[in-house]
Amino acid sequence: QDNNNHALDISLNEQAPLTAEYQKDL
């Protein structure tokens, strides 16, 4: 539901930068 109905087919680069964000309403 967060990824345009994708989950099982998502891949990630092990060095990919990720940004942390606190969402108080989620």
mmCIF file of all heavy atoms, coordinates in Angstrom:
data_MODEL
# 
_entry.id   MODEL 
# 
loop_
_atom_site.group_PDB 
_atom_site.id 
_atom_site.type_symbol 
_atom_site.label_atom_id 
_atom_site.label_alt_id 
_atom_site.label_comp_id 
_atom_site.label_asym_id 
_atom_site.label_entity_id 
_atom_site.label_seq_id 
_atom_site.pdbx_PDB_ins_code 
_atom_site.Cartn_x 
_atom_site.Cartn_y 
_atom_site.Cartn_z 
_atom_site.occupancy 
_atom_site.B_iso_or_equiv 
_atom_site.pdbx_formal_charge 
_atom_site.auth_seq_id 
_atom_site.auth_comp_id 
_atom_site.auth_asym_id 
_atom_site.auth_atom_id 
_atom_site.pdbx_PDB_model_num 
ATOM 1   N N   . GLN A 1 1  ? 0.809  -1.213  0.000  1.00 0.00 ? 1  GLN A N   1 
ATOM 2   C CA  . GLN A 1 1  ? 0.000  0.000   0.000  1.00 0.00 ? 1  GLN A CA  1 
ATOM 3   C C   . GLN A 1 1  ? 0.848  1.271   0.000  1.00 0.00 ? 1  GLN A C   1 
ATOM 4   O O   . GLN A 1 1  ? 0.365  2.339   -0.364 1.00 0.00 ? 1  GLN A O   1 
ATOM 5   C CB  . GLN A 1 1  ? -0.984 0.035   1.182  1.00 0.00 ? 1  GLN A CB  1 
ATOM 6   C CG  . GLN A 1 1  ? -0.381 -0.232  2.536  1.00 0.00 ? 1  GLN A CG  1 
ATOM 7   C CD  . GLN A 1 1  ? -0.526 -1.678  2.924  1.00 0.00 ? 1  GLN A CD  1 
ATOM 8   O OE1 . GLN A 1 1  ? 0.013  -2.570  2.286  1.00 0.00 ? 1  GLN A OE1 1 
ATOM 9   N NE2 . GLN A 1 1  ? -1.293 -1.934  3.970  1.00 0.00 ? 1  GLN A NE2 1 
ATOM 10  N N   . ASP A 1 2  ? 2.116  1.163   0.396  1.00 0.00 ? 2  ASP A N   1 
ATOM 11  C CA  . ASP A 1 2  ? 3.007  2.320   0.379  1.00 0.00 ? 2  ASP A CA  1 
ATOM 12  C C   . ASP A 1 2  ? 3.802  2.411   -0.914 1.00 0.00 ? 2  ASP A C   1 
ATOM 13  O O   . ASP A 1 2  ? 4.536  3.386   -1.114 1.00 0.00 ? 2  ASP A O   1 
ATOM 14  C CB  . ASP A 1 2  ? 4.003  2.241   1.540  1.00 0.00 ? 2  ASP A CB  1 
ATOM 15  C CG  . ASP A 1 2  ? 3.329  2.293   2.898  1.00 0.00 ? 2  ASP A CG  1 
ATOM 16  O OD1 . ASP A 1 2  ? 2.381  3.089   3.056  1.00 0.00 ? 2  ASP A OD1 1 
ATOM 17  O OD2 . ASP A 1 2  ? 3.737  1.535   3.792  1.00 0.00 ? 2  ASP A OD2 1 
ATOM 18  N N   . ASN A 1 3  ? 3.706  1.391   -1.763 1.00 0.00 ? 3  ASN A N   1 
ATOM 19  C CA  . ASN A 1 3  ? 4.622  1.279   -2.893 1.00 0.00 ? 3  ASN A CA  1 
ATOM 20  C C   . ASN A 1 3  ? 3.911  0.937   -4.203 1.00 0.00 ? 3  ASN A C   1 
ATOM 21  O O   . ASN A 1 3  ? 4.346  0.067   -4.965 1.00 0.00 ? 3  ASN A O   1 
ATOM 22  C CB  . ASN A 1 3  ? 5.692  0.227   -2.567 1.00 0.00 ? 3  ASN A CB  1 
ATOM 23  C CG  . ASN A 1 3  ? 6.553  0.641   -1.390 1.00 0.00 ? 3  ASN A CG  1 
ATOM 24  O OD1 . ASN A 1 3  ? 7.404  1.504   -1.507 1.00 0.00 ? 3  ASN A OD1 1 
ATOM 25  N ND2 . ASN A 1 3  ? 6.303  0.024   -0.233 1.00 0.00 ? 3  ASN A ND2 1 
ATOM 26  N N   . ASN A 1 4  ? 2.793  1.647   -4.421 1.00 0.00 ? 4  ASN A N   1 
ATOM 27  C CA  . ASN A 1 4  ? 2.060  1.492   -5.681 1.00 0.00 ? 4  ASN A CA  1 
ATOM 28  C C   . ASN A 1 4  ? 1.742  0.025   -5.963 1.00 0.00 ? 4  ASN A C   1 
ATOM 29  O O   . ASN A 1 4  ? 1.876  -0.470  -7.080 1.00 0.00 ? 4  ASN A O   1 
ATOM 30  C CB  . ASN A 1 4  ? 2.863  2.099   -6.834 1.00 0.00 ? 4  ASN A CB  1 
ATOM 31  C CG  . ASN A 1 4  ? 2.004  2.365   -8.053 1.00 0.00 ? 4  ASN A CG  1 
ATOM 32  O OD1 . ASN A 1 4  ? 0.786  2.543   -7.940 1.00 0.00 ? 4  ASN A OD1 1 
ATOM 33  N ND2 . ASN A 1 4  ? 2.623  2.390   -9.219 1.00 0.00 ? 4  ASN A ND2 1 
ATOM 34  N N   . ASN A 1 5  ? 1.335  -0.694  -4.877 1.00 0.00 ? 5  ASN A N   1 
ATOM 35  C CA  . ASN A 1 5  ? 0.942  -2.107  -4.939 1.00 0.00 ? 5  ASN A CA  1 
ATOM 36  C C   . ASN A 1 5  ? 2.095  -3.059  -5.256 1.00 0.00 ? 5  ASN A C   1 
ATOM 37  O O   . ASN A 1 5  ? 1.859  -4.211  -5.652 1.00 0.00 ? 5  ASN A O   1 
ATOM 38  C CB  . ASN A 1 5  ? -0.204 -2.326  -5.932 1.00 0.00 ? 5  ASN A CB  1 
ATOM 39  C CG  . ASN A 1 5  ? -1.525 -1.801  -5.397 1.00 0.00 ? 5  ASN A CG  1 
ATOM 40  O OD1 . ASN A 1 5  ? -1.803 -1.933  -4.194 1.00 0.00 ? 5  ASN A OD1 1 
ATOM 41  N ND2 . ASN A 1 5  ? -2.318 -1.170  -6.252 1.00 0.00 ? 5  ASN A ND2 1 
ATOM 42  N N   . HIS A 1 6  ? 3.309  -2.617  -5.038 1.00 0.00 ? 6  HIS A N   1 
ATOM 43  C CA  . HIS A 1 6  ? 4.472  -3.495  -5.200 1.00 0.00 ? 6  HIS A CA  1 
ATOM 44  C C   . HIS A 1 6  ? 5.057  -3.817  -3.828 1.00 0.00 ? 6  HIS A C   1 
ATOM 45  O O   . HIS A 1 6  ? 5.100  -2.975  -2.938 1.00 0.00 ? 6  HIS A O   1 
ATOM 46  C CB  . HIS A 1 6  ? 5.543  -2.828  -6.066 1.00 0.00 ? 6  HIS A CB  1 
ATOM 47  C CG  . HIS A 1 6  ? 5.151  -2.684  -7.500 1.00 0.00 ? 6  HIS A CG  1 
ATOM 48  N ND1 . HIS A 1 6  ? 5.254  -3.715  -8.403 1.00 0.00 ? 6  HIS A ND1 1 
ATOM 49  C CD2 . HIS A 1 6  ? 4.648  -1.619  -8.178 1.00 0.00 ? 6  HIS A CD2 1 
ATOM 50  C CE1 . HIS A 1 6  ? 4.834  -3.298  -9.587 1.00 0.00 ? 6  HIS A CE1 1 
ATOM 51  N NE2 . HIS A 1 6  ? 4.456  -2.028  -9.478 1.00 0.00 ? 6  HIS A NE2 1 
ATOM 52  N N   . ALA A 1 7  ? 5.527  -5.038  -3.666 1.00 0.00 ? 7  ALA A N   1 
ATOM 53  C CA  . ALA A 1 7  ? 6.247  -5.438  -2.458 1.00 0.00 ? 7  ALA A CA  1 
ATOM 54  C C   . ALA A 1 7  ? 7.171  -6.606  -2.773 1.00 0.00 ? 7  ALA A C   1 
ATOM 55  O O   . ALA A 1 7  ? 8.383  -6.513  -2.601 1.00 0.00 ? 7  ALA A O   1 
ATOM 56  C CB  . ALA A 1 7  ? 5.290  -5.800  -1.327 1.00 0.00 ? 7  ALA A CB  1 
ATOM 57  N N   . LEU A 1 8  ? 6.591  -7.700  -3.261 1.00 0.00 ? 8  LEU A N   1 
ATOM 58  C CA  . LEU A 1 8  ? 7.365  -8.918  -3.474 1.00 0.00 ? 8  LEU A CA  1 
ATOM 59  C C   . LEU A 1 8  ? 8.375  -8.776  -4.602 1.00 0.00 ? 8  LEU A C   1 
ATOM 60  O O   . LEU A 1 8  ? 9.354  -9.532  -4.655 1.00 0.00 ? 8  LEU A O   1 
ATOM 61  C CB  . LEU A 1 8  ? 6.434  -10.096 -3.756 1.00 0.00 ? 8  LEU A CB  1 
ATOM 62  C CG  . LEU A 1 8  ? 5.312  -10.336 -2.723 1.00 0.00 ? 8  LEU A CG  1 
ATOM 63  C CD1 . LEU A 1 8  ? 4.529  -11.589 -3.082 1.00 0.00 ? 8  LEU A CD1 1 
ATOM 64  C CD2 . LEU A 1 8  ? 5.881  -10.446 -1.312 1.00 0.00 ? 8  LEU A CD2 1 
ATOM 65  N N   . ASP A 1 9  ? 8.150  -7.824  -5.505 1.00 0.00 ? 9  ASP A N   1 
ATOM 66  C CA  . ASP A 1 9  ? 9.056  -7.675  -6.653 1.00 0.00 ? 9  ASP A CA  1 
ATOM 67  C C   . ASP A 1 9  ? 9.984  -6.469  -6.521 1.00 0.00 ? 9  ASP A C   1 
ATOM 68  O O   . ASP A 1 9  ? 10.657 -6.091  -7.478 1.00 0.00 ? 9  ASP A O   1 
ATOM 69  C CB  . ASP A 1 9  ? 8.247  -7.559  -7.946 1.00 0.00 ? 9  ASP A CB  1 
ATOM 70  C CG  . ASP A 1 9  ? 7.282  -6.374  -7.931 1.00 0.00 ? 9  ASP A CG  1 
ATOM 71  O OD1 . ASP A 1 9  ? 7.000  -5.855  -6.836 1.00 0.00 ? 9  ASP A OD1 1 
ATOM 72  O OD2 . ASP A 1 9  ? 6.819  -5.976  -9.013 1.00 0.00 ? 9  ASP A OD2 1 
ATOM 73  N N   . ILE A 1 10 ? 10.049 -5.872  -5.348 1.00 0.00 ? 10 ILE A N   1 
ATOM 74  C CA  . ILE A 1 10 ? 10.940 -4.725  -5.151 1.00 0.00 ? 10 ILE A CA  1 
ATOM 75  C C   . ILE A 1 10 ? 12.357 -5.218  -4.860 1.00 0.00 ? 10 ILE A C   1 
ATOM 76  O O   . ILE A 1 10 ? 12.557 -6.151  -4.080 1.00 0.00 ? 10 ILE A O   1 
ATOM 77  C CB  . ILE A 1 10 ? 10.447 -3.838  -3.995 1.00 0.00 ? 10 ILE A CB  1 
ATOM 78  C CG1 . ILE A 1 10 ? 9.141  -3.124  -4.387 1.00 0.00 ? 10 ILE A CG1 1 
ATOM 79  C CG2 . ILE A 1 10 ? 11.504 -2.797  -3.602 1.00 0.00 ? 10 ILE A CG2 1 
ATOM 80  C CD1 . ILE A 1 10 ? 8.544  -2.291  -3.280 1.00 0.00 ? 10 ILE A CD1 1 
ATOM 81  N N   . SER A 1 11 ? 13.313 -4.603  -5.502 1.00 0.00 ? 11 SER A N   1 
ATOM 82  C CA  . SER A 1 11 ? 14.718 -4.888  -5.198 1.00 0.00 ? 11 SER A CA  1 
ATOM 83  C C   . SER A 1 11 ? 15.393 -3.606  -4.740 1.00 0.00 ? 11 SER A C   1 
ATOM 84  O O   . SER A 1 11 ? 14.905 -2.495  -4.981 1.00 0.00 ? 11 SER A O   1 
ATOM 85  C CB  . SER A 1 11 ? 15.433 -5.489  -6.411 1.00 0.00 ? 11 SER A CB  1 
ATOM 86  O OG  . SER A 1 11 ? 15.389 -4.606  -7.515 1.00 0.00 ? 11 SER A OG  1 
ATOM 87  N N   . LEU A 1 12 ? 16.536 -3.775  -4.075 1.00 0.00 ? 12 LEU A N   1 
ATOM 88  C CA  . LEU A 1 12 ? 17.205 -2.646  -3.440 1.00 0.00 ? 12 LEU A CA  1 
ATOM 89  C C   . LEU A 1 12 ? 18.711 -2.810  -3.585 1.00 0.00 ? 12 LEU A C   1 
ATOM 90  O O   . LEU A 1 12 ? 19.241 -3.913  -3.431 1.00 0.00 ? 12 LEU A O   1 
ATOM 91  C CB  . LEU A 1 12 ? 16.825 -2.598  -1.954 1.00 0.00 ? 12 LEU A CB  1 
ATOM 92  C CG  . LEU A 1 12 ? 17.345 -1.430  -1.110 1.00 0.00 ? 12 LEU A CG  1 
ATOM 93  C CD1 . LEU A 1 12 ? 16.679 -0.137  -1.528 1.00 0.00 ? 12 LEU A CD1 1 
ATOM 94  C CD2 . LEU A 1 12 ? 17.062 -1.707  0.369  1.00 0.00 ? 12 LEU A CD2 1 
ATOM 95  N N   . ASN A 1 13 ? 19.374 -1.729  -3.859 1.00 0.00 ? 13 ASN A N   1 
ATOM 96  C CA  . ASN A 1 13 ? 20.837 -1.737  -3.857 1.00 0.00 ? 13 ASN A CA  1 
ATOM 97  C C   . ASN A 1 13 ? 21.311 -1.685  -2.411 1.00 0.00 ? 13 ASN A C   1 
ATOM 98  O O   . ASN A 1 13 ? 20.858 -0.852  -1.632 1.00 0.00 ? 13 ASN A O   1 
ATOM 99  C CB  . ASN A 1 13 ? 21.366 -0.530  -4.633 1.00 0.00 ? 13 ASN A CB  1 
ATOM 100 C CG  . ASN A 1 13 ? 22.863 -0.575  -4.829 1.00 0.00 ? 13 ASN A CG  1 
ATOM 101 O OD1 . ASN A 1 13 ? 23.605 -0.748  -3.878 1.00 0.00 ? 13 ASN A OD1 1 
ATOM 102 N ND2 . ASN A 1 13 ? 23.302 -0.410  -6.069 1.00 0.00 ? 13 ASN A ND2 1 
ATOM 103 N N   . GLU A 1 14 ? 22.231 -2.577  -2.068 1.00 0.00 ? 14 GLU A N   1 
ATOM 104 C CA  . GLU A 1 14 ? 22.660 -2.642  -0.670 1.00 0.00 ? 14 GLU A CA  1 
ATOM 105 C C   . GLU A 1 14 ? 23.359 -1.373  -0.199 1.00 0.00 ? 14 GLU A C   1 
ATOM 106 O O   . GLU A 1 14 ? 23.484 -1.139  1.002  1.00 0.00 ? 14 GLU A O   1 
ATOM 107 C CB  . GLU A 1 14 ? 23.570 -3.846  -0.446 1.00 0.00 ? 14 GLU A CB  1 
ATOM 108 C CG  . GLU A 1 14 ? 24.878 -3.811  -1.212 1.00 0.00 ? 14 GLU A CG  1 
ATOM 109 C CD  . GLU A 1 14 ? 25.682 -5.091  -1.037 1.00 0.00 ? 14 GLU A CD  1 
ATOM 110 O OE1 . GLU A 1 14 ? 25.083 -6.178  -1.017 1.00 0.00 ? 14 GLU A OE1 1 
ATOM 111 O OE2 . GLU A 1 14 ? 26.909 -4.982  -0.937 1.00 0.00 ? 14 GLU A OE2 1 
ATOM 112 N N   . GLN A 1 15 ? 23.805 -0.543  -1.115 1.00 0.00 ? 15 GLN A N   1 
ATOM 113 C CA  . GLN A 1 15 ? 24.436 0.726   -0.754 1.00 0.00 ? 15 GLN A CA  1 
ATOM 114 C C   . GLN A 1 15 ? 23.504 1.920   -0.986 1.00 0.00 ? 15 GLN A C   1 
ATOM 115 O O   . GLN A 1 15 ? 23.921 3.068   -0.837 1.00 0.00 ? 15 GLN A O   1 
ATOM 116 C CB  . GLN A 1 15 ? 25.717 0.924   -1.577 1.00 0.00 ? 15 GLN A CB  1 
ATOM 117 C CG  . GLN A 1 15 ? 26.742 -0.192  -1.413 1.00 0.00 ? 15 GLN A CG  1 
ATOM 118 C CD  . GLN A 1 15 ? 27.225 -0.360  0.014  1.00 0.00 ? 15 GLN A CD  1 
ATOM 119 O OE1 . GLN A 1 15 ? 27.283 0.590   0.777  1.00 0.00 ? 15 GLN A OE1 1 
ATOM 120 N NE2 . GLN A 1 15 ? 27.554 -1.586  0.384  1.00 0.00 ? 15 GLN A NE2 1 
ATOM 121 N N   . ALA A 1 16 ? 22.253 1.650   -1.358 1.00 0.00 ? 16 ALA A N   1 
ATOM 122 C CA  . ALA A 1 16 ? 21.327 2.746   -1.677 1.00 0.00 ? 16 ALA A CA  1 
ATOM 123 C C   . ALA A 1 16 ? 21.073 3.610   -0.442 1.00 0.00 ? 16 ALA A C   1 
ATOM 124 O O   . ALA A 1 16 ? 20.817 3.091   0.643  1.00 0.00 ? 16 ALA A O   1 
ATOM 125 C CB  . ALA A 1 16 ? 20.014 2.173   -2.194 1.00 0.00 ? 16 ALA A CB  1 
ATOM 126 N N   . PRO A 1 17 ? 21.132 4.917   -0.588 1.00 0.00 ? 17 PRO A N   1 
ATOM 127 C CA  . PRO A 1 17 ? 20.848 5.795   0.559  1.00 0.00 ? 17 PRO A CA  1 
ATOM 128 C C   . PRO A 1 17 ? 19.362 5.771   0.909  1.00 0.00 ? 17 PRO A C   1 
ATOM 129 O O   . PRO A 1 17 ? 18.495 5.771   0.028  1.00 0.00 ? 17 PRO A O   1 
ATOM 130 C CB  . PRO A 1 17 ? 21.284 7.175   0.055  1.00 0.00 ? 17 PRO A CB  1 
ATOM 131 C CG  . PRO A 1 17 ? 21.170 7.093   -1.433 1.00 0.00 ? 17 PRO A CG  1 
ATOM 132 C CD  . PRO A 1 17 ? 21.496 5.677   -1.800 1.00 0.00 ? 17 PRO A CD  1 
ATOM 133 N N   . LEU A 1 18 ? 19.084 5.723   2.180  1.00 0.00 ? 18 LEU A N   1 
ATOM 134 C CA  . LEU A 1 18 ? 17.707 5.758   2.672  1.00 0.00 ? 18 LEU A CA  1 
ATOM 135 C C   . LEU A 1 18 ? 17.590 6.909   3.663  1.00 0.00 ? 18 LEU A C   1 
ATOM 136 O O   . LEU A 1 18 ? 18.501 7.143   4.466  1.00 0.00 ? 18 LEU A O   1 
ATOM 137 C CB  . LEU A 1 18 ? 17.338 4.440   3.350  1.00 0.00 ? 18 LEU A CB  1 
ATOM 138 C CG  . LEU A 1 18 ? 17.292 3.202   2.456  1.00 0.00 ? 18 LEU A CG  1 
ATOM 139 C CD1 . LEU A 1 18 ? 17.239 1.938   3.298  1.00 0.00 ? 18 LEU A CD1 1 
ATOM 140 C CD2 . LEU A 1 18 ? 16.092 3.264   1.512  1.00 0.00 ? 18 LEU A CD2 1 
ATOM 141 N N   . THR A 1 19 ? 16.476 7.585   3.610  1.00 0.00 ? 19 THR A N   1 
ATOM 142 C CA  . THR A 1 19 ? 16.245 8.733   4.485  1.00 0.00 ? 19 THR A CA  1 
ATOM 143 C C   . THR A 1 19 ? 15.186 8.384   5.521  1.00 0.00 ? 19 THR A C   1 
ATOM 144 O O   . THR A 1 19 ? 14.120 7.846   5.177  1.00 0.00 ? 19 THR A O   1 
ATOM 145 C CB  . THR A 1 19 ? 15.772 9.952   3.667  1.00 0.00 ? 19 THR A CB  1 
ATOM 146 O OG1 . THR A 1 19 ? 16.764 10.264  2.681  1.00 0.00 ? 19 THR A OG1 1 
ATOM 147 C CG2 . THR A 1 19 ? 15.563 11.153  4.573  1.00 0.00 ? 19 THR A CG2 1 
ATOM 148 N N   . ALA A 1 20 ? 15.481 8.655   6.779  1.00 0.00 ? 20 ALA A N   1 
ATOM 149 C CA  . ALA A 1 20 ? 14.530 8.393   7.858  1.00 0.00 ? 20 ALA A CA  1 
ATOM 150 C C   . ALA A 1 20 ? 13.640 9.605   8.084  1.00 0.00 ? 20 ALA A C   1 
ATOM 151 O O   . ALA A 1 20 ? 14.101 10.748  8.074  1.00 0.00 ? 20 ALA A O   1 
ATOM 152 C CB  . ALA A 1 20 ? 15.272 8.048   9.141  1.00 0.00 ? 20 ALA A CB  1 
ATOM 153 N N   . GLU A 1 21 ? 12.354 9.330   8.285  1.00 0.00 ? 21 GLU A N   1 
ATOM 154 C CA  . GLU A 1 21 ? 11.392 10.412  8.500  1.00 0.00 ? 21 GLU A CA  1 
ATOM 155 C C   . GLU A 1 21 ? 10.350 9.936   9.505  1.00 0.00 ? 21 GLU A C   1 
ATOM 156 O O   . GLU A 1 21 ? 9.707  8.909   9.297  1.00 0.00 ? 21 GLU A O   1 
ATOM 157 C CB  . GLU A 1 21 ? 10.725 10.773  7.172  1.00 0.00 ? 21 GLU A CB  1 
ATOM 158 C CG  . GLU A 1 21 ? 9.667  11.852  7.267  1.00 0.00 ? 21 GLU A CG  1 
ATOM 159 C CD  . GLU A 1 21 ? 8.999  12.086  5.925  1.00 0.00 ? 21 GLU A CD  1 
ATOM 160 O OE1 . GLU A 1 21 ? 9.708  12.460  4.961  1.00 0.00 ? 21 GLU A OE1 1 
ATOM 161 O OE2 . GLU A 1 21 ? 7.759  11.869  5.830  1.00 0.00 ? 21 GLU A OE2 1 
ATOM 162 N N   . TYR A 1 22 ? 10.199 10.674  10.592 1.00 0.00 ? 22 TYR A N   1 
ATOM 163 C CA  . TYR A 1 22 ? 9.187  10.309  11.587 1.00 0.00 ? 22 TYR A CA  1 
ATOM 164 C C   . TYR A 1 22 ? 7.834  10.858  11.159 1.00 0.00 ? 22 TYR A C   1 
ATOM 165 O O   . TYR A 1 22 ? 7.696  12.043  10.878 1.00 0.00 ? 22 TYR A O   1 
ATOM 166 C CB  . TYR A 1 22 ? 9.550  10.852  12.970 1.00 0.00 ? 22 TYR A CB  1 
ATOM 167 C CG  . TYR A 1 22 ? 8.582  10.393  14.045 1.00 0.00 ? 22 TYR A CG  1 
ATOM 168 C CD1 . TYR A 1 22 ? 8.653  9.102   14.557 1.00 0.00 ? 22 TYR A CD1 1 
ATOM 169 C CD2 . TYR A 1 22 ? 7.601  11.248  14.536 1.00 0.00 ? 22 TYR A CD2 1 
ATOM 170 C CE1 . TYR A 1 22 ? 7.763  8.665   15.529 1.00 0.00 ? 22 TYR A CE1 1 
ATOM 171 C CE2 . TYR A 1 22 ? 6.713  10.826  15.517 1.00 0.00 ? 22 TYR A CE2 1 
ATOM 172 C CZ  . TYR A 1 22 ? 6.797  9.526   16.011 1.00 0.00 ? 22 TYR A CZ  1 
ATOM 173 O OH  . TYR A 1 22 ? 5.912  9.106   16.970 1.00 0.00 ? 22 TYR A OH  1 
ATOM 174 N N   . GLN A 1 23 ? 6.838  9.970   11.102 1.00 0.00 ? 23 GLN A N   1 
ATOM 175 C CA  . GLN A 1 23 ? 5.487  10.369  10.707 1.00 0.00 ? 23 GLN A CA  1 
ATOM 176 C C   . GLN A 1 23 ? 4.538  10.101  11.868 1.00 0.00 ? 23 GLN A C   1 
ATOM 177 O O   . GLN A 1 23 ? 4.165  8.957   12.138 1.00 0.00 ? 23 GLN A O   1 
ATOM 178 C CB  . GLN A 1 23 ? 5.056  9.611   9.451  1.00 0.00 ? 23 GLN A CB  1 
ATOM 179 C CG  . GLN A 1 23 ? 5.904  9.934   8.228  1.00 0.00 ? 23 GLN A CG  1 
ATOM 180 C CD  . GLN A 1 23 ? 5.362  9.321   6.949  1.00 0.00 ? 23 GLN A CD  1 
ATOM 181 O OE1 . GLN A 1 23 ? 4.332  8.637   6.939  1.00 0.00 ? 23 GLN A OE1 1 
ATOM 182 N NE2 . GLN A 1 23 ? 6.057  9.571   5.842  1.00 0.00 ? 23 GLN A NE2 1 
ATOM 183 N N   . LYS A 1 24 ? 4.173  11.160  12.561 1.00 0.00 ? 24 LYS A N   1 
ATOM 184 C CA  . LYS A 1 24 ? 3.392  11.021  13.788 1.00 0.00 ? 24 LYS A CA  1 
ATOM 185 C C   . LYS A 1 24 ? 1.977  10.513  13.546 1.00 0.00 ? 24 LYS A C   1 
ATOM 186 O O   . LYS A 1 24 ? 1.355  9.943   14.450 1.00 0.00 ? 24 LYS A O   1 
ATOM 187 C CB  . LYS A 1 24 ? 3.344  12.353  14.538 1.00 0.00 ? 24 LYS A CB  1 
ATOM 188 C CG  . LYS A 1 24 ? 2.591  13.462  13.796 1.00 0.00 ? 24 LYS A CG  1 
ATOM 189 C CD  . LYS A 1 24 ? 2.525  14.731  14.637 1.00 0.00 ? 24 LYS A CD  1 
ATOM 190 C CE  . LYS A 1 24 ? 1.711  15.811  13.924 1.00 0.00 ? 24 LYS A CE  1 
ATOM 191 N NZ  . LYS A 1 24 ? 1.599  17.052  14.738 1.00 0.00 ? 24 LYS A NZ  1 
ATOM 192 N N   . ASP A 1 25 ? 1.450  10.715  12.336 1.00 0.00 ? 25 ASP A N   1 
ATOM 193 C CA  . ASP A 1 25 ? 0.068  10.316  12.053 1.00 0.00 ? 25 ASP A CA  1 
ATOM 194 C C   . ASP A 1 25 ? -0.038 8.952   11.379 1.00 0.00 ? 25 ASP A C   1 
ATOM 195 O O   . ASP A 1 25 ? -1.137 8.518   11.044 1.00 0.00 ? 25 ASP A O   1 
ATOM 196 C CB  . ASP A 1 25 ? -0.600 11.379  11.171 1.00 0.00 ? 25 ASP A CB  1 
ATOM 197 C CG  . ASP A 1 25 ? -0.704 12.727  11.860 1.00 0.00 ? 25 ASP A CG  1 
ATOM 198 O OD1 . ASP A 1 25 ? -0.936 12.734  13.086 1.00 0.00 ? 25 ASP A OD1 1 
ATOM 199 O OD2 . ASP A 1 25 ? -0.536 13.760  11.191 1.00 0.00 ? 25 ASP A OD2 1 
ATOM 200 N N   . LEU A 1 26 ? 1.076  8.278   11.181 1.00 0.00 ? 26 LEU A N   1 
ATOM 201 C CA  . LEU A 1 26 ? 1.061  6.961   10.549 1.00 0.00 ? 26 LEU A CA  1 
ATOM 202 C C   . LEU A 1 26 ? 1.273  5.885   11.605 1.00 0.00 ? 26 LEU A C   1 
ATOM 203 O O   . LEU A 1 26 ? 2.255  5.914   12.347 1.00 0.00 ? 26 LEU A O   1 
ATOM 204 C CB  . LEU A 1 26 ? 2.162  6.878   9.485  1.00 0.00 ? 26 LEU A CB  1 
ATOM 205 C CG  . LEU A 1 26 ? 2.300  5.532   8.766  1.00 0.00 ? 26 LEU A CG  1 
ATOM 206 C CD1 . LEU A 1 26 ? 1.062  5.233   7.929  1.00 0.00 ? 26 LEU A CD1 1 
ATOM 207 C CD2 . LEU A 1 26 ? 3.556  5.506   7.901  1.00 0.00 ? 26 LEU A CD2 1 
# 
